[in-house]
Amino acid sequence: MKIIIEPHTLKRVTERGANENDIIDVINSGFNITAKKGRFAKAKIYDYNKNRNSKFYEQKRIEVNYTIENDIIVTITVYVFYGKWD
């Protein structure tokens, strides 16, 4: 399916420590998570092993919320969490 990344999503992804390629990767190979209001969401956990805001994190979890309109995925927003998941 074609993926349209909305400007709001691009702005947020940069602020939160990810990029456009991460969004596409999460949509294509992430796992499904619960979303609200008839939307869809996927997440993926990446090894990070870096400092962010002066704190070290082993992993980051990227979540992408989106809709599907006429067989086109349209992003709504992206969240990035830092920590350790099993």
C-alpha atoms as a PDB file:
ATOM      1  CA  MET A   1       0.000   0.000   0.000  1.00  0.00           C
ATOM      2  CA  LYS A   2       1.107   3.543  -0.638  1.00  0.00           C
ATOM      3  CA  ILE A   3       2.075   5.523   2.481  1.00  0.00           C
ATOM      4  CA  ILE A   4       1.451   9.259   2.853  1.00  0.00           C
ATOM      5  CA  ILE A   5       3.324  10.858   5.730  1.00  0.00           C
ATOM      6  CA  GLU A   6       1.476  13.962   6.851  1.00  0.00           C
ATOM      7  CA  PRO A   7       3.473  17.147   7.653  1.00  0.00           C
ATOM      8  CA  HIS A   8       2.371  16.960  11.314  1.00  0.00           C
ATOM      9  CA  THR A   9       3.857  13.470  11.556  1.00  0.00           C
ATOM     10  CA  LEU A  10       7.145  14.589   9.992  1.00  0.00           C
ATOM     11  CA  LYS A  11       7.423  17.475  12.426  1.00  0.00           C
ATOM     12  CA  ARG A  12       6.770  15.255  15.431  1.00  0.00           C
ATOM     13  CA  VAL A  13       9.058  12.429  14.320  1.00  0.00           C
ATOM     14  CA  THR A  14      12.061  14.766  14.133  1.00  0.00           C
ATOM     15  CA  GLU A  15      11.294  16.315  17.528  1.00  0.00           C
ATOM     16  CA  ARG A  16      10.933  12.882  19.097  1.00  0.00           C
ATOM     17  CA  GLY A  17      14.137  11.339  17.806  1.00  0.00           C
ATOM     18  CA  ALA A  18      13.223   9.273  14.763  1.00  0.00           C
ATOM     19  CA  ASN A  19      12.941   9.860  11.004  1.00  0.00           C
ATOM     20  CA  GLU A  20      10.810   9.230   7.920  1.00  0.00           C
ATOM     21  CA  ASN A  21      12.485   5.872   7.205  1.00  0.00           C
ATOM     22  CA  ASP A  22      11.600   4.726  10.729  1.00  0.00           C
ATOM     23  CA  ILE A  23       7.922   5.519  10.088  1.00  0.00           C
ATOM     24  CA  ILE A  24       7.908   3.447   6.910  1.00  0.00           C
ATOM     25  CA  ASP A  25       9.747   0.574   8.610  1.00  0.00           C
ATOM     26  CA  VAL A  26       7.291   0.500  11.537  1.00  0.00           C
ATOM     27  CA  ILE A  27       4.293   0.455   9.196  1.00  0.00           C
ATOM     28  CA  ASN A  28       5.804  -2.289   7.037  1.00  0.00           C
ATOM     29  CA  SER A  29       7.280  -4.559   9.698  1.00  0.00           C
ATOM     30  CA  GLY A  30       6.060  -3.452  13.136  1.00  0.00           C
ATOM     31  CA  PHE A  31       3.548  -5.252  15.331  1.00  0.00           C
ATOM     32  CA  ASN A  32      -0.087  -4.182  15.697  1.00  0.00           C
ATOM     33  CA  ILE A  33      -1.067  -2.262  18.816  1.00  0.00           C
ATOM     34  CA  THR A  34      -4.378  -0.866  20.007  1.00  0.00           C
ATOM     35  CA  ALA A  35      -5.502   2.447  18.538  1.00  0.00           C
ATOM     36  CA  LYS A  36      -8.497   4.672  19.291  1.00  0.00           C
ATOM     37  CA  LYS A  37     -11.270   6.147  17.138  1.00  0.00           C
ATOM     38  CA  GLY A  38     -11.188   3.492  14.412  1.00  0.00           C
ATOM     39  CA  ARG A  39      -7.554   4.151  13.658  1.00  0.00           C
ATOM     40  CA  PHE A  40      -4.691   1.712  13.265  1.00  0.00           C
ATOM     41  CA  ALA A  41      -1.336   1.640  15.015  1.00  0.00           C
ATOM     42  CA  LYS A  42       1.892  -0.310  14.834  1.00  0.00           C
ATOM     43  CA  ALA A  43       5.007  -0.296  16.977  1.00  0.00           C
ATOM     44  CA  LYS A  44       8.555  -1.544  16.708  1.00  0.00           C
ATOM     45  CA  ILE A  45      11.408  -1.697  19.188  1.00  0.00           C
ATOM     46  CA  TYR A  46      14.917  -0.778  18.067  1.00  0.00           C
ATOM     47  CA  ASP A  47      18.265  -1.114  19.795  1.00  0.00           C
ATOM     48  CA  TYR A  48      19.402   2.403  20.643  1.00  0.00           C
ATOM     49  CA  ASN A  49      22.361   2.273  23.086  1.00  0.00           C
ATOM     50  CA  LYS A  50      22.850   6.047  23.116  1.00  0.00           C
ATOM     51  CA  ASN A  51      22.275   9.066  25.299  1.00  0.00           C
ATOM     52  CA  ARG A  52      19.210  11.221  24.827  1.00  0.00           C
ATOM     53  CA  ASN A  53      18.759  14.323  26.967  1.00  0.00           C
ATOM     54  CA  SER A  54      21.804  13.303  29.023  1.00  0.00           C
ATOM     55  CA  LYS A  55      20.421   9.850  29.873  1.00  0.00           C
ATOM     56  CA  PHE A  56      21.479   6.483  28.414  1.00  0.00           C
ATOM     57  CA  TYR A  57      18.800   4.262  26.843  1.00  0.00           C
ATOM     58  CA  GLU A  58      19.207   0.713  25.560  1.00  0.00           C
ATOM     59  CA  GLN A  59      16.194   0.792  23.259  1.00  0.00           C
ATOM     60  CA  LYS A  60      13.617   3.029  21.674  1.00  0.00           C
ATOM     61  CA  ARG A  61      10.051   2.086  20.784  1.00  0.00           C
ATOM     62  CA  ILE A  62       8.435   3.867  17.873  1.00  0.00           C
ATOM     63  CA  GLU A  63       4.641   3.864  17.529  1.00  0.00           C
ATOM     64  CA  VAL A  64       2.876   5.116  14.400  1.00  0.00           C
ATOM     65  CA  ASN A  65      -0.849   5.917  14.324  1.00  0.00           C
ATOM     66  CA  TYR A  66      -2.534   5.966  10.925  1.00  0.00           C
ATOM     67  CA  THR A  67      -5.726   5.546   8.921  1.00  0.00           C
ATOM     68  CA  ILE A  68      -6.366   3.727   5.688  1.00  0.00           C
ATOM     69  CA  GLU A  69      -8.208   5.746   3.056  1.00  0.00           C
ATOM     70  CA  ASN A  70      -8.890   4.206  -0.371  1.00  0.00           C
ATOM     71  CA  ASP A  71      -6.030   1.684   0.044  1.00  0.00           C
ATOM     72  CA  ILE A  72      -3.613   4.446   1.086  1.00  0.00           C
ATOM     73  CA  ILE A  73      -2.030   4.577   4.541  1.00  0.00           C
ATOM     74  CA  VAL A  74      -2.150   8.133   5.916  1.00  0.00           C
ATOM     75  CA  THR A  75      -0.118   8.810   9.066  1.00  0.00           C
ATOM     76  CA  ILE A  76      -1.645  10.724  11.939  1.00  0.00           C
ATOM     77  CA  THR A  77       1.190  10.949  14.445  1.00  0.00           C
ATOM     78  CA  VAL A  78       4.240   9.160  15.781  1.00  0.00           C
ATOM     79  CA  TYR A  79       5.425   8.561  19.336  1.00  0.00           C
ATOM     80  CA  VAL A  80       8.938   7.599  20.408  1.00  0.00           C
ATOM     81  CA  PHE A  81       9.619   6.109  23.840  1.00  0.00           C
ATOM     82  CA  TYR A  82      13.019   5.381  25.320  1.00  0.00           C
ATOM     83  CA  GLY A  83      13.817   2.606  27.768  1.00  0.00           C
ATOM     84  CA  LYS A  84      14.117  -1.190  27.801  1.00  0.00           C
ATOM     85  CA  TRP A  85      11.492  -3.688  26.692  1.00  0.00           C
ATOM     86  CA  ASP A  86      11.605  -7.470  26.894  1.00  0.00           C
END
